[in-house]
Amino acid sequence: MLCVSRDVESHILFSRITQRRQTVELLAADNGEEGTDIAVIRRPRMVVLDARLSDVDGETLVSTLRKRALAPSAPIAVLAHDGSPGQRARFIWAGASASFATPLNVAEIDRTVEPVLNVAG
């Protein structure tokens, strides 16, 4: 799993989620360029990304990852700061599989991520 976020708390959250599975490694990036480079090389089964990165917006990164790095079935979840239906629709249209509004609902994220980790493990 790849977590692309400038927020240390997001990295910690997804580290804890992936630690439940010894066979799942958490890859981490602080910006979109680094995240794309990691995704192209490592081909993660899932990407979780922050909608507000320093170098690229979430929609653009989702689209780039879909085109350059991920299998069509690989889920992309966006950590969105505006949980409006319009914003969620834009992320889905760009190629995301899910969008989580902040403040983050850990149970909701866990329900979404767990099946992917089961397959990955």
N, C-alpha and C. Protein backbone atom coordinates (compact mmCIF):
# COMPACT_ATOMS: atom_id res chain seq x y z
N MET A 1 0.85 -1.17 0.00
CA MET A 1 0.00 0.00 0.00
C MET A 1 0.90 1.23 0.00
N LEU A 2 0.50 2.23 -0.78
CA LEU A 2 1.23 3.49 -0.84
C LEU A 2 0.38 4.59 -0.23
N CYS A 3 0.96 5.35 0.70
CA CYS A 3 0.29 6.50 1.31
C CYS A 3 1.04 7.75 0.85
N VAL A 4 0.34 8.63 0.12
CA VAL A 4 0.92 9.88 -0.35
C VAL A 4 0.26 11.01 0.42
N SER A 5 1.00 11.55 1.37
CA SER A 5 0.45 12.61 2.22
C SER A 5 1.58 13.37 2.87
N ARG A 6 1.37 14.65 3.03
CA ARG A 6 2.35 15.46 3.78
C ARG A 6 2.04 15.43 5.27
N ASP A 7 0.95 14.78 5.63
CA ASP A 7 0.48 14.71 7.01
C ASP A 7 1.04 13.47 7.71
N VAL A 8 1.86 13.67 8.71
CA VAL A 8 2.48 12.56 9.44
C VAL A 8 1.41 11.66 10.07
N GLU A 9 0.32 12.24 10.53
CA GLU A 9 -0.74 11.45 11.15
C GLU A 9 -1.34 10.44 10.17
N SER A 10 -1.47 10.82 8.91
CA SER A 10 -1.97 9.87 7.91
C SER A 10 -1.01 8.70 7.75
N HIS A 11 0.28 9.00 7.70
CA HIS A 11 1.27 7.92 7.59
C HIS A 11 1.19 6.98 8.79
N ILE A 12 1.02 7.55 9.97
CA ILE A 12 0.91 6.74 11.19
C ILE A 12 -0.35 5.88 11.15
N LEU A 13 -1.47 6.47 10.77
CA LEU A 13 -2.73 5.72 10.69
C LEU A 13 -2.60 4.53 9.75
N PHE A 14 -2.09 4.75 8.55
CA PHE A 14 -2.01 3.66 7.59
C PHE A 14 -0.89 2.68 7.93
N SER A 15 0.10 3.13 8.65
CA SER A 15 1.12 2.21 9.15
C SER A 15 0.48 1.23 10.14
N ARG A 16 -0.34 1.75 11.02
CA ARG A 16 -1.02 0.88 12.00
C ARG A 16 -1.97 -0.10 11.31
N ILE A 17 -2.66 0.37 10.29
CA ILE A 17 -3.59 -0.50 9.57
C ILE A 17 -2.83 -1.62 8.86
N THR A 18 -1.71 -1.29 8.21
CA THR A 18 -0.97 -2.32 7.47
C THR A 18 -0.18 -3.25 8.39
N GLN A 19 0.15 -2.81 9.60
CA GLN A 19 0.92 -3.66 10.51
C GLN A 19 0.16 -4.92 10.91
N ARG A 20 -1.13 -4.90 10.76
CA ARG A 20 -1.92 -6.10 11.09
C ARG A 20 -1.62 -7.26 10.15
N ARG A 21 -1.04 -6.93 9.00
CA ARG A 21 -0.70 -7.93 8.01
C ARG A 21 0.81 -7.92 7.80
N GLN A 22 1.48 -8.96 8.15
CA GLN A 22 2.93 -9.00 8.02
C GLN A 22 3.39 -8.96 6.57
N THR A 23 2.53 -9.38 5.67
CA THR A 23 2.91 -9.44 4.26
C THR A 23 2.59 -8.15 3.50
N VAL A 24 2.06 -7.15 4.17
CA VAL A 24 1.72 -5.89 3.51
C VAL A 24 2.69 -4.81 3.98
N GLU A 25 3.33 -4.19 3.02
CA GLU A 25 4.30 -3.14 3.31
C GLU A 25 3.66 -1.78 3.02
N LEU A 26 3.90 -0.83 3.91
CA LEU A 26 3.45 0.54 3.68
C LEU A 26 4.58 1.32 3.04
N LEU A 27 4.30 1.84 1.87
CA LEU A 27 5.22 2.75 1.19
C LEU A 27 4.70 4.15 1.46
N ALA A 28 5.59 5.10 1.67
CA ALA A 28 5.15 6.45 2.02
C ALA A 28 5.85 7.49 1.16
N ALA A 29 5.08 8.51 0.78
CA ALA A 29 5.61 9.64 0.01
C ALA A 29 4.99 10.91 0.56
N ASP A 30 5.76 11.99 0.49
CA ASP A 30 5.29 13.28 1.01
C ASP A 30 4.69 14.19 -0.05
N ASN A 31 4.86 13.84 -1.33
CA ASN A 31 4.31 14.69 -2.39
C ASN A 31 3.95 13.83 -3.60
N GLY A 32 3.28 14.45 -4.55
CA GLY A 32 2.78 13.72 -5.71
C GLY A 32 3.86 13.17 -6.61
N GLU A 33 4.92 13.94 -6.81
CA GLU A 33 6.01 13.47 -7.67
C GLU A 33 6.67 12.22 -7.09
N GLU A 34 6.98 12.28 -5.81
CA GLU A 34 7.58 11.13 -5.13
C GLU A 34 6.62 9.94 -5.14
N GLY A 35 5.34 10.21 -4.88
CA GLY A 35 4.34 9.14 -4.90
C GLY A 35 4.22 8.47 -6.25
N THR A 36 4.23 9.28 -7.30
CA THR A 36 4.15 8.72 -8.66
C THR A 36 5.38 7.88 -8.96
N ASP A 37 6.57 8.38 -8.60
CA ASP A 37 7.80 7.62 -8.84
C ASP A 37 7.76 6.27 -8.12
N ILE A 38 7.33 6.28 -6.87
CA ILE A 38 7.24 5.04 -6.10
C ILE A 38 6.21 4.09 -6.74
N ALA A 39 5.08 4.64 -7.14
CA ALA A 39 4.02 3.80 -7.73
C ALA A 39 4.47 3.18 -9.05
N VAL A 40 5.20 3.93 -9.87
CA VAL A 40 5.67 3.40 -11.15
C VAL A 40 6.64 2.24 -10.91
N ILE A 41 7.51 2.39 -9.92
CA ILE A 41 8.52 1.36 -9.64
C ILE A 41 7.94 0.18 -8.88
N ARG A 42 7.16 0.43 -7.86
CA ARG A 42 6.70 -0.63 -6.93
C ARG A 42 5.33 -1.21 -7.26
N ARG A 43 4.50 -0.52 -8.03
CA ARG A 43 3.16 -0.99 -8.41
C ARG A 43 2.33 -1.47 -7.21
N PRO A 44 2.01 -0.57 -6.29
CA PRO A 44 1.26 -0.99 -5.09
C PRO A 44 -0.14 -1.48 -5.45
N ARG A 45 -0.68 -2.31 -4.59
CA ARG A 45 -2.04 -2.82 -4.79
C ARG A 45 -3.09 -1.77 -4.47
N MET A 46 -2.72 -0.76 -3.67
CA MET A 46 -3.65 0.29 -3.29
C MET A 46 -2.87 1.57 -3.00
N VAL A 47 -3.50 2.71 -3.30
CA VAL A 47 -2.91 4.01 -2.99
C VAL A 47 -3.92 4.81 -2.19
N VAL A 48 -3.44 5.43 -1.13
CA VAL A 48 -4.23 6.39 -0.35
C VAL A 48 -3.48 7.71 -0.49
N LEU A 49 -4.20 8.75 -0.91
CA LEU A 49 -3.51 10.02 -1.11
C LEU A 49 -4.30 11.18 -0.54
N ASP A 50 -3.55 12.17 -0.12
CA ASP A 50 -4.12 13.41 0.40
C ASP A 50 -4.52 14.27 -0.79
N ALA A 51 -5.69 14.86 -0.72
CA ALA A 51 -6.17 15.71 -1.81
C ALA A 51 -5.37 17.00 -1.90
N ARG A 52 -4.74 17.40 -0.81
CA ARG A 52 -3.98 18.66 -0.78
C ARG A 52 -2.50 18.38 -0.57
N LEU A 53 -1.80 18.24 -1.66
CA LEU A 53 -0.37 18.05 -1.61
C LEU A 53 0.33 19.34 -2.03
N SER A 54 1.60 19.44 -1.75
CA SER A 54 2.32 20.68 -2.04
C SER A 54 2.57 20.89 -3.53
N ASP A 55 2.61 19.82 -4.31
CA ASP A 55 3.00 19.96 -5.70
C ASP A 55 1.93 19.61 -6.73
N VAL A 56 0.83 19.02 -6.30
CA VAL A 56 -0.21 18.62 -7.27
C VAL A 56 -1.53 18.46 -6.53
N ASP A 57 -2.62 18.73 -7.21
CA ASP A 57 -3.93 18.52 -6.58
C ASP A 57 -4.32 17.04 -6.69
N GLY A 58 -5.23 16.64 -5.83
CA GLY A 58 -5.62 15.24 -5.74
C GLY A 58 -6.19 14.66 -7.03
N GLU A 59 -7.02 15.42 -7.72
CA GLU A 59 -7.61 14.92 -8.97
C GLU A 59 -6.54 14.62 -10.01
N THR A 60 -5.57 15.52 -10.13
CA THR A 60 -4.50 15.32 -11.10
C THR A 60 -3.66 14.11 -10.75
N LEU A 61 -3.36 13.94 -9.47
CA LEU A 61 -2.56 12.79 -9.05
C LEU A 61 -3.31 11.49 -9.28
N VAL A 62 -4.59 11.46 -8.98
CA VAL A 62 -5.38 10.25 -9.24
C VAL A 62 -5.30 9.88 -10.72
N SER A 63 -5.51 10.86 -11.58
CA SER A 63 -5.47 10.64 -13.02
C SER A 63 -4.09 10.16 -13.48
N THR A 64 -3.05 10.78 -12.96
CA THR A 64 -1.68 10.39 -13.32
C THR A 64 -1.39 8.96 -12.89
N LEU A 65 -1.77 8.61 -11.66
CA LEU A 65 -1.54 7.25 -11.18
C LEU A 65 -2.29 6.23 -12.02
N ARG A 66 -3.52 6.54 -12.39
CA ARG A 66 -4.30 5.62 -13.23
C ARG A 66 -3.62 5.42 -14.58
N LYS A 67 -3.10 6.48 -15.16
CA LYS A 67 -2.50 6.39 -16.49
C LYS A 67 -1.12 5.77 -16.49
N ARG A 68 -0.33 6.02 -15.44
CA ARG A 68 1.09 5.66 -15.49
C ARG A 68 1.52 4.51 -14.61
N ALA A 69 0.78 4.22 -13.54
CA ALA A 69 1.39 3.36 -12.53
C ALA A 69 0.57 2.19 -12.03
N LEU A 70 -0.73 2.28 -12.07
CA LEU A 70 -1.53 1.27 -11.36
C LEU A 70 -2.32 0.38 -12.30
N ALA A 71 -2.54 -0.83 -11.82
CA ALA A 71 -3.46 -1.72 -12.53
C ALA A 71 -4.86 -1.13 -12.46
N PRO A 72 -5.68 -1.36 -13.48
CA PRO A 72 -7.03 -0.79 -13.47
C PRO A 72 -7.86 -1.16 -12.24
N SER A 73 -7.57 -2.30 -11.64
CA SER A 73 -8.34 -2.75 -10.47
C SER A 73 -7.77 -2.23 -9.15
N ALA A 74 -6.61 -1.58 -9.17
CA ALA A 74 -5.99 -1.10 -7.93
C ALA A 74 -6.79 0.07 -7.36
N PRO A 75 -7.25 -0.05 -6.13
CA PRO A 75 -8.03 1.03 -5.54
C PRO A 75 -7.18 2.26 -5.22
N ILE A 76 -7.78 3.42 -5.42
CA ILE A 76 -7.19 4.69 -5.00
C ILE A 76 -8.21 5.35 -4.09
N ALA A 77 -7.79 5.65 -2.87
CA ALA A 77 -8.66 6.35 -1.92
C ALA A 77 -8.07 7.74 -1.67
N VAL A 78 -8.94 8.75 -1.67
CA VAL A 78 -8.51 10.13 -1.49
C VAL A 78 -8.96 10.62 -0.12
N LEU A 79 -8.02 11.21 0.61
CA LEU A 79 -8.34 11.84 1.89
C LEU A 79 -8.69 13.29 1.57
N ALA A 80 -9.99 13.55 1.52
CA ALA A 80 -10.49 14.86 1.09
C ALA A 80 -10.80 15.74 2.29
N HIS A 81 -10.52 17.00 2.15
CA HIS A 81 -10.77 17.93 3.24
C HIS A 81 -12.14 18.57 3.13
N ASP A 82 -12.72 18.48 1.96
CA ASP A 82 -14.08 18.96 1.73
C ASP A 82 -14.88 17.72 1.35
N GLY A 83 -15.72 17.27 2.24
CA GLY A 83 -16.45 16.03 2.00
C GLY A 83 -17.71 16.21 1.18
N SER A 84 -17.79 17.29 0.43
CA SER A 84 -19.00 17.55 -0.35
C SER A 84 -19.18 16.51 -1.44
N PRO A 85 -20.43 16.24 -1.80
CA PRO A 85 -20.69 15.27 -2.87
C PRO A 85 -20.01 15.67 -4.18
N GLY A 86 -19.93 16.98 -4.45
CA GLY A 86 -19.29 17.43 -5.68
C GLY A 86 -17.82 17.08 -5.72
N GLN A 87 -17.14 17.29 -4.59
CA GLN A 87 -15.72 16.96 -4.56
C GLN A 87 -15.51 15.46 -4.66
N ARG A 88 -16.31 14.70 -3.95
CA ARG A 88 -16.19 13.24 -4.04
C ARG A 88 -16.42 12.77 -5.48
N ALA A 89 -17.40 13.35 -6.16
CA ALA A 89 -17.68 12.98 -7.55
C ALA A 89 -16.49 13.29 -8.46
N ARG A 90 -15.83 14.44 -8.24
CA ARG A 90 -14.66 14.79 -9.06
C ARG A 90 -13.53 13.78 -8.88
N PHE A 91 -13.33 13.31 -7.65
CA PHE A 91 -12.28 12.31 -7.43
C PHE A 91 -12.64 10.98 -8.09
N ILE A 92 -13.89 10.59 -7.97
CA ILE A 92 -14.34 9.34 -8.60
C ILE A 92 -14.21 9.45 -10.12
N TRP A 93 -14.60 10.59 -10.67
CA TRP A 93 -14.51 10.82 -12.11
C TRP A 93 -13.05 10.74 -12.57
N ALA A 94 -12.12 11.22 -11.74
CA ALA A 94 -10.70 11.19 -12.08
C ALA A 94 -10.12 9.78 -12.00
N GLY A 95 -10.83 8.86 -11.33
CA GLY A 95 -10.36 7.48 -11.25
C GLY A 95 -10.21 6.92 -9.85
N ALA A 96 -10.60 7.69 -8.84
CA ALA A 96 -10.52 7.19 -7.47
C ALA A 96 -11.61 6.16 -7.21
N SER A 97 -11.36 5.29 -6.26
CA SER A 97 -12.33 4.28 -5.86
C SER A 97 -13.15 4.72 -4.67
N ALA A 98 -12.56 5.59 -3.83
CA ALA A 98 -13.22 6.06 -2.62
C ALA A 98 -12.65 7.40 -2.22
N SER A 99 -13.43 8.11 -1.41
CA SER A 99 -13.01 9.40 -0.89
C SER A 99 -13.45 9.49 0.56
N PHE A 100 -12.53 9.87 1.42
CA PHE A 100 -12.82 10.00 2.85
C PHE A 100 -12.71 11.46 3.24
N ALA A 101 -13.73 11.97 3.90
CA ALA A 101 -13.72 13.36 4.36
C ALA A 101 -13.03 13.47 5.70
N THR A 102 -12.40 14.61 5.92
CA THR A 102 -11.82 14.86 7.24
C THR A 102 -12.83 15.61 8.08
N PRO A 103 -12.85 15.39 9.38
CA PRO A 103 -11.94 14.51 10.09
C PRO A 103 -12.18 13.05 9.68
N LEU A 104 -11.12 12.31 9.63
CA LEU A 104 -11.18 10.94 9.14
C LEU A 104 -11.95 10.03 10.09
N ASN A 105 -12.77 9.19 9.50
CA ASN A 105 -13.51 8.17 10.24
C ASN A 105 -12.72 6.88 10.10
N VAL A 106 -11.99 6.52 11.13
CA VAL A 106 -11.09 5.38 11.08
C VAL A 106 -11.84 4.09 10.76
N ALA A 107 -13.02 3.92 11.31
CA ALA A 107 -13.81 2.70 11.04
C ALA A 107 -14.17 2.61 9.56
N GLU A 108 -14.55 3.72 8.95
CA GLU A 108 -14.88 3.74 7.52
C GLU A 108 -13.65 3.39 6.68
N ILE A 109 -12.53 3.98 7.03
CA ILE A 109 -11.30 3.69 6.30
C ILE A 109 -10.93 2.22 6.46
N ASP A 110 -11.02 1.71 7.65
CA ASP A 110 -10.70 0.32 7.92
C ASP A 110 -11.57 -0.63 7.10
N ARG A 111 -12.87 -0.33 7.02
CA ARG A 111 -13.79 -1.17 6.22
C ARG A 111 -13.41 -1.16 4.75
N THR A 112 -12.89 -0.06 4.25
CA THR A 112 -12.51 0.04 2.85
C THR A 112 -11.17 -0.62 2.58
N VAL A 113 -10.23 -0.44 3.47
CA VAL A 113 -8.87 -0.92 3.27
C VAL A 113 -8.73 -2.41 3.57
N GLU A 114 -9.42 -2.91 4.56
CA GLU A 114 -9.27 -4.30 5.01
C GLU A 114 -9.42 -5.34 3.89
N PRO A 115 -10.44 -5.25 3.03
CA PRO A 115 -10.53 -6.27 1.97
C PRO A 115 -9.33 -6.25 1.02
N VAL A 116 -8.79 -5.08 0.77
CA VAL A 116 -7.62 -4.99 -0.10
C VAL A 116 -6.42 -5.64 0.58
N LEU A 117 -6.25 -5.40 1.86
CA LEU A 117 -5.15 -6.02 2.60
C LEU A 117 -5.31 -7.52 2.67
N ASN A 118 -6.53 -8.00 2.77
CA ASN A 118 -6.76 -9.46 2.78
C ASN A 118 -6.30 -10.09 1.47
N VAL A 119 -6.59 -9.42 0.35
CA VAL A 119 -6.17 -9.92 -0.95
C VAL A 119 -4.65 -9.83 -1.08
N ALA A 120 -4.09 -8.69 -0.62
CA ALA A 120 -2.65 -8.48 -0.71
C ALA A 120 -1.89 -9.48 0.14
N GLY A 121 -2.48 -9.83 1.27
CA GLY A 121 -1.78 -10.75 2.17
C GLY A 121 -1.93 -12.16 1.74
